[in-house]
């Protein structure tokens, strides 16, 4: 009787291995060339020989452009890039972003009053949540970090469960076993948040690989900050996703700070998007405060990830207006003027509101929505 392990070397598995060998061109024919004609035959890289000593500069990939659809006044820059989203869907974008903003303010105040133990706001990053969530299919699996409440909200996660989770009461599906803001919901395909930084990134790759093996026509999106991108788990995940050809979207929210560490002290290369090509990952950098740019990039990346079985890296450039958490005082490492600039001059909600004004979609009903949203959050908080 043959050992069971030999079955792994038969049939489609061997065919798959052979396909990878040919695809990666790791088996090369041996031929004789002159010194000027011969080509490298090493299996680990695709390159030519040179006869002069030259080190590759670290900024060989530098100045990756930032894709955007709207300017800061909400005007469409290039009509061919306009996603032409229907009014009803744009209103959902706006309502979700403002409701998230309102919920943040009330729960932040609740922590300051001693009613809950901890909270993390999403101020300034609402566009990255809603734009990406709207571009996904409902069956796509989401792995969040801890600042993606807007993704859950867009998918229909109810306010009362947000409140229950943060308060850890009897209505909390987790029964208070998790820290506040560590949401999760199987019904909307959102994997429960885990506190250790970056652990979700390789897990997302594993989930995407299983979808590929099942031909499930599903993608996985994994959110993380630029700080988490410095963790070893991130680099391992990037490499596995490319070599295993997984339908996964790596969505990096580059908000300028890893708690108190600015990007200038986090890395020397050109941000996070520049790392993708080194791993063989298609990459793009977008304006994270432009909800339409985020939507377009995520939608196209999702389409191609599933159709072509390959990973995509999206670096959304944004700014964390709020403190890192209720345990942080950001005035110790950045100025009030810096925060006010982003809050007043380049806020994703303001930009979308300007777009709605240009379209004639801003009316009295939208003006009173903010007051209505505050009443909604307070009602779910109290009852």
Protein backbone atom coordinates (compact mmCIF):
# COMPACT_ATOMS: atom_id res chain seq x y z
CA UNK A 1 0.00 0.00 0.00
CA UNK A 2 1.35 3.41 -0.96
CA UNK A 3 1.57 6.02 1.79
CA UNK A 4 -1.13 8.66 1.68
CA UNK A 5 1.42 11.40 1.16
CA UNK A 6 2.18 10.20 -2.38
CA UNK A 7 -1.30 11.22 -3.44
CA UNK A 8 -0.19 14.82 -3.14
CA UNK A 9 2.15 14.28 -6.09
CA UNK A 10 -0.45 13.04 -8.53
CA UNK A 11 -3.03 14.47 -10.88
CA UNK A 12 -3.94 18.13 -10.91
CA UNK A 13 -1.45 19.05 -8.17
CA UNK A 14 1.53 18.02 -10.32
CA UNK A 15 -0.05 19.73 -13.32
CA UNK A 16 -0.38 22.90 -11.26
CA UNK A 17 3.26 22.69 -10.20
CA UNK A 18 4.40 22.18 -13.78
CA UNK A 19 2.34 25.14 -14.88
CA UNK A 20 3.99 27.31 -12.26
CA UNK A 21 7.45 26.12 -13.35
CA UNK A 22 6.80 27.05 -16.94
CA UNK A 23 5.05 30.30 -16.04
CA UNK A 24 7.88 31.48 -13.82
CA UNK A 25 10.44 30.42 -16.43
CA UNK A 26 12.51 28.66 -13.80
CA UNK A 27 13.58 25.89 -16.18
CA UNK A 28 15.78 27.37 -18.91
CA UNK A 29 17.50 25.57 -21.74
CA UNK A 30 21.27 25.39 -21.59
CA UNK A 31 22.90 27.07 -24.61
CA UNK A 32 26.34 28.36 -25.40
CA UNK A 33 26.80 32.08 -25.97
CA UNK A 34 29.66 34.50 -26.26
CA UNK A 35 30.27 36.75 -23.24
CA UNK A 36 28.31 39.55 -24.92
CA UNK A 37 25.39 37.36 -25.95
CA UNK A 38 24.85 35.10 -22.97
CA UNK A 39 21.83 35.69 -20.78
CA UNK A 40 21.34 34.99 -17.07
CA UNK A 41 19.78 31.61 -16.37
CA UNK A 42 19.31 32.02 -12.63
CA UNK A 43 15.80 30.93 -11.57
CA UNK A 44 15.30 33.72 -9.02
CA UNK A 45 15.03 36.82 -11.21
CA UNK A 46 14.53 38.07 -14.74
CA UNK A 47 17.38 40.36 -15.81
CA UNK A 48 20.33 40.96 -18.11
CA UNK A 49 24.03 40.93 -17.34
CA UNK A 50 25.95 44.22 -17.07
CA UNK A 51 29.70 44.79 -16.93
CA UNK A 52 29.71 47.95 -14.82
CA UNK A 53 29.27 48.17 -11.04
CA UNK A 54 26.12 50.04 -10.10
CA UNK A 55 23.89 49.86 -7.03
CA UNK A 56 20.17 50.39 -7.46
CA UNK A 57 19.01 53.59 -5.81
CA UNK A 58 16.26 53.09 -3.19
CA UNK A 59 14.12 55.70 -4.94
CA UNK A 60 14.10 53.89 -8.27
CA UNK A 61 10.34 53.70 -7.68
CA UNK A 62 9.58 57.23 -6.55
CA UNK A 63 6.83 59.78 -6.84
CA UNK A 64 3.97 57.37 -7.50
CA UNK A 65 1.09 59.68 -8.47
CA UNK A 66 -2.09 60.02 -6.43
CA UNK A 67 -5.20 59.16 -8.40
CA UNK A 68 -8.22 61.37 -7.81
CA UNK A 69 -11.57 62.06 -9.47
CA UNK A 70 -12.71 65.23 -7.66
CA UNK A 71 -10.75 68.31 -6.72
CA UNK A 72 -11.13 69.75 -3.22
CA UNK A 73 -14.12 71.82 -4.34
CA UNK A 74 -16.00 68.69 -5.39
CA UNK A 75 -15.61 69.27 -9.13
CA UNK A 76 -15.04 66.27 -11.41
CA UNK A 77 -11.61 66.74 -12.99
CA UNK A 78 -11.79 64.26 -15.87
CA UNK A 79 -15.33 63.39 -17.04
CA UNK A 80 -14.16 60.01 -18.31
CA UNK A 81 -13.25 59.04 -14.72
CA UNK A 82 -16.63 60.08 -13.29
CA UNK A 83 -18.19 56.88 -11.90
CA UNK A 84 -21.63 58.39 -12.58
CA UNK A 85 -23.07 57.00 -9.39
CA UNK A 86 -26.87 57.45 -9.08
CA UNK A 87 -28.18 60.08 -6.69
CA UNK A 88 -29.62 57.50 -4.28
CA UNK A 89 -26.25 55.82 -3.90
CA UNK A 90 -24.40 59.12 -3.45
CA UNK A 91 -26.87 60.02 -0.72
CA UNK A 92 -26.11 56.70 0.94
CA UNK A 93 -22.41 57.60 0.79
CA UNK A 94 -23.10 60.93 2.47
CA UNK A 95 -25.50 59.55 5.07
CA UNK A 96 -23.11 56.76 6.05
CA UNK A 97 -20.12 59.09 6.33
CA UNK A 98 -21.98 61.65 8.43
CA UNK A 99 -23.67 59.04 10.61
CA UNK A 100 -20.26 57.51 11.31
CA UNK A 101 -18.92 60.95 12.19
CA UNK A 102 -21.84 61.56 14.55
CA UNK A 103 -21.49 58.15 16.20
CA UNK A 104 -17.79 58.84 16.73
CA UNK A 105 -18.48 62.11 18.51
CA UNK A 106 -21.06 60.62 20.85
CA UNK A 107 -19.07 57.49 21.72
CA UNK A 108 -15.90 59.53 22.19
CA UNK A 109 -17.82 61.74 24.63
CA UNK A 110 -19.17 58.60 26.32
CA UNK A 111 -15.63 57.41 27.00
CA UNK A 112 -14.63 60.79 28.37
CA UNK A 113 -17.61 60.59 30.73
CA UNK A 114 -16.46 57.18 31.95
CA UNK A 115 -19.36 55.28 30.40
CA UNK A 116 -17.15 53.06 28.19
CA UNK A 117 -13.52 52.07 28.65
CA UNK A 118 -12.03 52.87 25.24
CA UNK A 119 -12.82 54.27 21.81
CA UNK A 120 -11.18 55.07 18.47
CA UNK A 121 -12.65 57.67 16.13
CA UNK A 122 -12.59 57.67 12.33
CA UNK A 123 -12.46 61.44 11.79
CA UNK A 124 -11.08 62.33 8.37
CA UNK A 125 -10.99 58.77 7.05
CA UNK A 126 -14.68 58.28 6.30
CA UNK A 127 -14.09 58.39 2.54
CA UNK A 128 -11.76 55.40 2.63
CA UNK A 129 -14.40 53.31 4.40
CA UNK A 130 -17.43 54.15 2.31
CA UNK A 131 -15.74 54.39 -1.08
CA UNK A 132 -14.16 50.95 -0.73
CA UNK A 133 -17.17 49.27 0.88
CA UNK A 134 -19.47 50.46 -1.90
CA UNK A 135 -17.21 48.94 -4.56
CA UNK A 136 -17.33 45.43 -3.10
CA UNK A 137 -19.83 42.63 -3.49
CA UNK A 138 -21.83 41.68 -0.41
CA UNK A 139 -20.24 38.21 -0.47
CA UNK A 140 -16.69 39.58 -0.32
CA UNK A 141 -14.95 38.98 2.98
CA UNK A 142 -13.62 41.90 5.02
CA UNK A 143 -10.67 41.83 7.40
CA UNK A 144 -10.42 45.12 9.27
CA UNK A 145 -7.82 46.59 11.59
CA UNK A 146 -9.70 48.81 14.05
CA UNK A 147 -10.62 51.96 12.16
CA UNK A 148 -13.09 50.61 9.60
CA UNK A 149 -16.44 51.01 11.34
CA UNK A 150 -17.76 52.77 8.23
CA UNK A 151 -17.39 49.57 6.20
CA UNK A 152 -19.64 47.75 8.66
CA UNK A 153 -22.08 50.65 8.72
CA UNK A 154 -22.32 50.77 4.92
CA UNK A 155 -23.05 47.03 4.90
CA UNK A 156 -26.00 47.55 7.20
CA UNK A 157 -24.61 46.76 10.63
CA UNK A 158 -27.17 48.33 13.01
CA UNK A 159 -26.44 51.18 15.39
CA UNK A 160 -27.70 49.27 18.41
CA UNK A 161 -25.03 46.60 17.89
CA UNK A 162 -22.30 49.24 17.58
CA UNK A 163 -23.46 50.58 20.94
CA UNK A 164 -23.81 47.14 22.49
CA UNK A 165 -20.28 46.17 21.46
CA UNK A 166 -18.70 49.32 22.86
CA UNK A 167 -20.65 49.02 26.10
CA UNK A 168 -20.16 45.25 26.32
CA UNK A 169 -23.73 44.72 27.45
CA UNK A 170 -26.08 41.75 27.16
CA UNK A 171 -27.00 42.67 23.58
CA UNK A 172 -23.39 42.46 22.44
CA UNK A 173 -22.94 39.31 20.30
CA UNK A 174 -19.49 38.93 21.87
CA UNK A 175 -20.90 39.30 25.40
CA UNK A 176 -18.27 41.86 26.33
CA UNK A 177 -15.31 39.57 25.68
CA UNK A 178 -13.70 42.00 23.24
CA UNK A 179 -12.39 45.52 23.66
CA UNK A 180 -14.62 48.32 22.38
CA UNK A 181 -14.48 48.94 18.59
CA UNK A 182 -13.48 45.30 18.00
CA UNK A 183 -16.53 44.62 15.88
CA UNK A 184 -17.36 41.53 13.87
CA UNK A 185 -20.39 40.18 12.07
CA UNK A 186 -20.71 36.93 10.13
CA UNK A 187 -23.96 38.07 8.51
CA UNK A 188 -22.19 40.89 6.64
CA UNK A 189 -18.93 38.96 6.09
CA UNK A 190 -16.84 41.10 8.44
CA UNK A 191 -14.25 39.12 10.41
CA UNK A 192 -13.96 40.13 14.07
CA UNK A 193 -11.23 42.66 14.79
CA UNK A 194 -8.10 41.37 16.51
CA UNK A 195 -5.98 43.66 18.69
CA UNK A 196 -2.49 42.44 17.71
CA UNK A 197 -1.37 44.64 14.84
CA UNK A 198 -1.24 43.18 11.30
CA UNK A 199 -2.30 39.64 12.21
CA UNK A 200 -5.29 40.02 9.89
CA UNK A 201 -3.11 40.51 6.79
CA UNK A 202 -1.79 36.93 6.37
CA UNK A 203 -5.17 35.61 7.50
CA UNK A 204 -6.80 37.51 4.66
CA UNK A 205 -4.41 35.90 2.19
CA UNK A 206 -5.33 32.46 3.47
CA UNK A 207 -9.02 33.21 3.08
CA UNK A 208 -8.47 34.51 -0.44
CA UNK A 209 -6.52 31.39 -1.36
CA UNK A 210 -9.42 29.23 -0.20
CA UNK A 211 -11.81 31.26 -2.36
CA UNK A 212 -9.52 30.70 -5.33
CA UNK A 213 -9.43 26.94 -4.75
CA UNK A 214 -13.22 26.90 -4.51
CA UNK A 215 -13.71 29.06 -7.63
CA UNK A 216 -16.00 31.04 -5.37
CA UNK A 217 -16.08 34.30 -7.37
CA UNK A 218 -15.33 36.11 -4.12
CA UNK A 219 -12.59 38.50 -3.10
CA UNK A 220 -11.08 39.42 0.24
CA UNK A 221 -10.25 42.96 1.27
CA UNK A 222 -7.85 43.59 4.11
CA UNK A 223 -7.53 47.01 5.75
CA UNK A 224 -4.51 48.23 7.66
CA UNK A 225 -2.59 51.41 8.37
CA UNK A 226 0.83 52.40 7.10
CA UNK A 227 2.20 51.61 10.56
CA UNK A 228 1.00 48.01 10.35
CA UNK A 229 2.68 47.75 6.94
CA UNK A 230 6.00 47.76 8.80
CA UNK A 231 5.10 44.55 10.62
CA UNK A 232 6.62 41.28 9.43
CA UNK A 233 3.15 39.81 8.96
CA UNK A 234 2.46 42.36 6.22
CA UNK A 235 5.54 41.44 4.22
CA UNK A 236 4.88 37.72 4.59
CA UNK A 237 1.31 38.28 3.41
CA UNK A 238 2.39 40.30 0.38
CA UNK A 239 4.78 37.56 -0.70
CA UNK A 240 2.34 34.69 -0.17
CA UNK A 241 -0.48 36.51 -1.96
CA UNK A 242 1.65 37.04 -5.06
CA UNK A 243 3.19 33.58 -5.23
CA UNK A 244 -0.14 31.84 -4.55
CA UNK A 245 -1.98 34.26 -6.86
CA UNK A 246 -4.77 35.13 -4.43
CA UNK A 247 -7.80 37.38 -5.10
CA UNK A 248 -7.07 39.75 -2.23
CA UNK A 249 -7.12 43.54 -1.98
CA UNK A 250 -4.65 45.07 0.45
CA UNK A 251 -6.13 48.43 1.43
CA UNK A 252 -3.64 50.62 3.28
CA UNK A 253 -4.95 53.74 4.98
CA UNK A 254 -1.90 55.98 5.05
CA UNK A 255 -3.15 58.60 7.51
CA UNK A 256 0.20 60.15 8.37
CA UNK A 257 0.80 58.67 11.82
CA UNK A 258 1.35 55.30 13.47
CA UNK A 259 -0.02 56.45 16.82
CA UNK A 260 2.58 59.22 17.43
CA UNK A 261 5.17 58.21 14.84
CA UNK A 262 4.98 60.30 11.65
CA UNK A 263 5.58 58.70 8.27
CA UNK A 264 8.95 60.47 8.02
CA UNK A 265 10.16 58.21 10.84
CA UNK A 266 8.44 55.04 9.62
CA UNK A 267 10.03 54.41 6.23
CA UNK A 268 12.48 55.84 3.70
CA UNK A 269 10.89 54.58 0.47
CA UNK A 270 8.02 56.14 -1.46
CA UNK A 271 5.21 55.12 0.86
CA UNK A 272 3.46 51.77 0.83
CA UNK A 273 2.39 51.53 -2.82
CA UNK A 274 6.04 51.44 -3.88
CA UNK A 275 6.47 48.13 -2.06
CA UNK A 276 3.94 46.29 -4.20
CA UNK A 277 5.97 45.87 -7.41
CA UNK A 278 8.84 44.29 -5.47
CA UNK A 279 6.49 41.50 -4.46
CA UNK A 280 4.88 41.27 -7.89
CA UNK A 281 1.69 43.03 -6.78
CA UNK A 282 -0.30 45.47 -8.90
CA UNK A 283 -0.40 48.74 -6.93
CA UNK A 284 -2.03 52.15 -6.97
CA UNK A 285 -2.05 55.26 -4.80
CA UNK A 286 -5.32 57.17 -4.44
CA UNK A 287 -6.64 60.28 -2.74
CA UNK A 288 -8.34 58.78 0.29
CA UNK A 289 -10.34 61.97 0.86
CA UNK A 290 -11.96 61.54 -2.56
CA UNK A 291 -14.66 58.93 -2.07
CA UNK A 292 -15.08 58.49 -5.84
CA UNK A 293 -11.37 57.84 -6.40
CA UNK A 294 -11.45 55.21 -3.66
CA UNK A 295 -14.59 53.71 -5.21
CA UNK A 296 -13.13 53.52 -8.73
CA UNK A 297 -9.82 52.02 -7.62
CA UNK A 298 -11.42 49.43 -5.34
CA UNK A 299 -14.03 48.41 -7.89
CA UNK A 300 -11.47 47.84 -10.65
CA UNK A 301 -9.05 46.09 -8.30
CA UNK A 302 -11.82 43.82 -7.08
CA UNK A 303 -12.89 42.97 -10.65
CA UNK A 304 -9.39 42.09 -11.75
CA UNK A 305 -8.47 40.27 -8.54
CA UNK A 306 -11.31 37.80 -9.07
CA UNK A 307 -10.98 37.55 -12.87
CA UNK A 308 -7.20 37.18 -12.91
CA UNK A 309 -6.52 35.62 -9.49
CA UNK A 310 -3.96 38.15 -8.39
CA UNK A 311 -3.52 40.52 -5.44
CA UNK A 312 -3.81 44.31 -5.55
CA UNK A 313 -2.40 46.94 -3.22
CA UNK A 314 -4.28 50.22 -2.74
CA UNK A 315 -2.61 52.98 -0.74
CA UNK A 316 -5.23 55.56 0.23
CA UNK A 317 -3.61 58.85 1.25
CA UNK A 318 -5.65 60.48 4.01
CA UNK A 319 -5.24 62.15 7.39
CA UNK A 320 -6.19 61.07 10.91
CA UNK A 321 -7.91 64.17 12.27
CA UNK A 322 -8.74 62.64 15.64
CA UNK A 323 -6.43 61.29 18.32
CA UNK A 324 -5.19 57.76 17.75
CA UNK A 325 -7.56 56.64 20.49
CA UNK A 326 -8.94 57.84 23.80
CA UNK A 327 -5.61 56.74 25.29
CA UNK A 328 -3.73 59.26 23.15
CA UNK A 329 -3.20 63.03 23.20
CA UNK A 330 -2.04 63.97 19.71
CA UNK A 331 -1.28 67.57 20.74
CA UNK A 332 1.97 66.18 22.15
CA UNK A 333 3.34 65.40 18.68
CA UNK A 334 1.47 67.58 16.16
CA UNK A 335 0.15 71.12 16.05
CA UNK A 336 -3.44 72.27 16.25
CA UNK A 337 -2.91 74.24 13.04
CA UNK A 338 -1.96 71.05 11.20
CA UNK A 339 -5.11 69.27 12.33
CA UNK A 340 -7.32 72.26 11.57
CA UNK A 341 -5.96 72.48 8.04
CA UNK A 342 -7.09 68.97 7.18
CA UNK A 343 -10.36 69.35 9.04
CA UNK A 344 -11.29 72.61 7.29
CA UNK A 345 -9.58 72.38 3.90
CA UNK A 346 -9.59 68.73 2.83
CA UNK A 347 -12.26 66.76 4.66
CA UNK A 348 -13.86 63.89 2.69
CA UNK A 349 -17.36 64.77 3.89
CA UNK A 350 -16.96 68.40 2.85
CA UNK A 351 -15.70 67.37 -0.57
CA UNK A 352 -18.68 65.08 -1.16
CA UNK A 353 -21.06 67.78 0.06
CA UNK A 354 -19.52 70.21 -2.46
CA UNK A 355 -20.10 67.64 -5.19
CA UNK A 356 -23.74 67.33 -4.15
CA UNK A 357 -24.09 71.12 -4.26
CA UNK A 358 -22.76 71.20 -7.83
CA UNK A 359 -25.24 68.48 -8.80
CA UNK A 360 -28.16 70.21 -7.11
CA UNK A 361 -28.60 67.31 -4.71
CA UNK A 362 -28.09 69.35 -1.55
CA UNK A 363 -31.46 70.40 -0.16
CA UNK A 364 -33.16 71.16 3.12
CA UNK A 365 -33.53 67.47 3.90
CA UNK A 366 -29.75 67.01 3.79
CA UNK A 367 -29.23 70.06 5.98
CA UNK A 368 -31.31 68.59 8.78
CA UNK A 369 -29.79 65.10 8.38
CA UNK A 370 -26.95 65.82 10.81
CA UNK A 371 -29.41 66.70 13.59
CA UNK A 372 -31.47 63.65 12.72
CA UNK A 373 -28.40 61.39 12.80
CA UNK A 374 -27.47 62.66 16.26
CA UNK A 375 -30.95 61.83 17.54
CA UNK A 376 -30.67 58.35 16.00
CA UNK A 377 -27.36 57.62 17.71
CA UNK A 378 -28.53 58.97 21.07
CA UNK A 379 -31.74 56.93 20.87
CA UNK A 380 -29.82 53.69 20.25
CA UNK A 381 -27.40 54.65 23.00
CA UNK A 382 -30.16 55.11 25.56
CA UNK A 383 -32.44 52.29 24.52
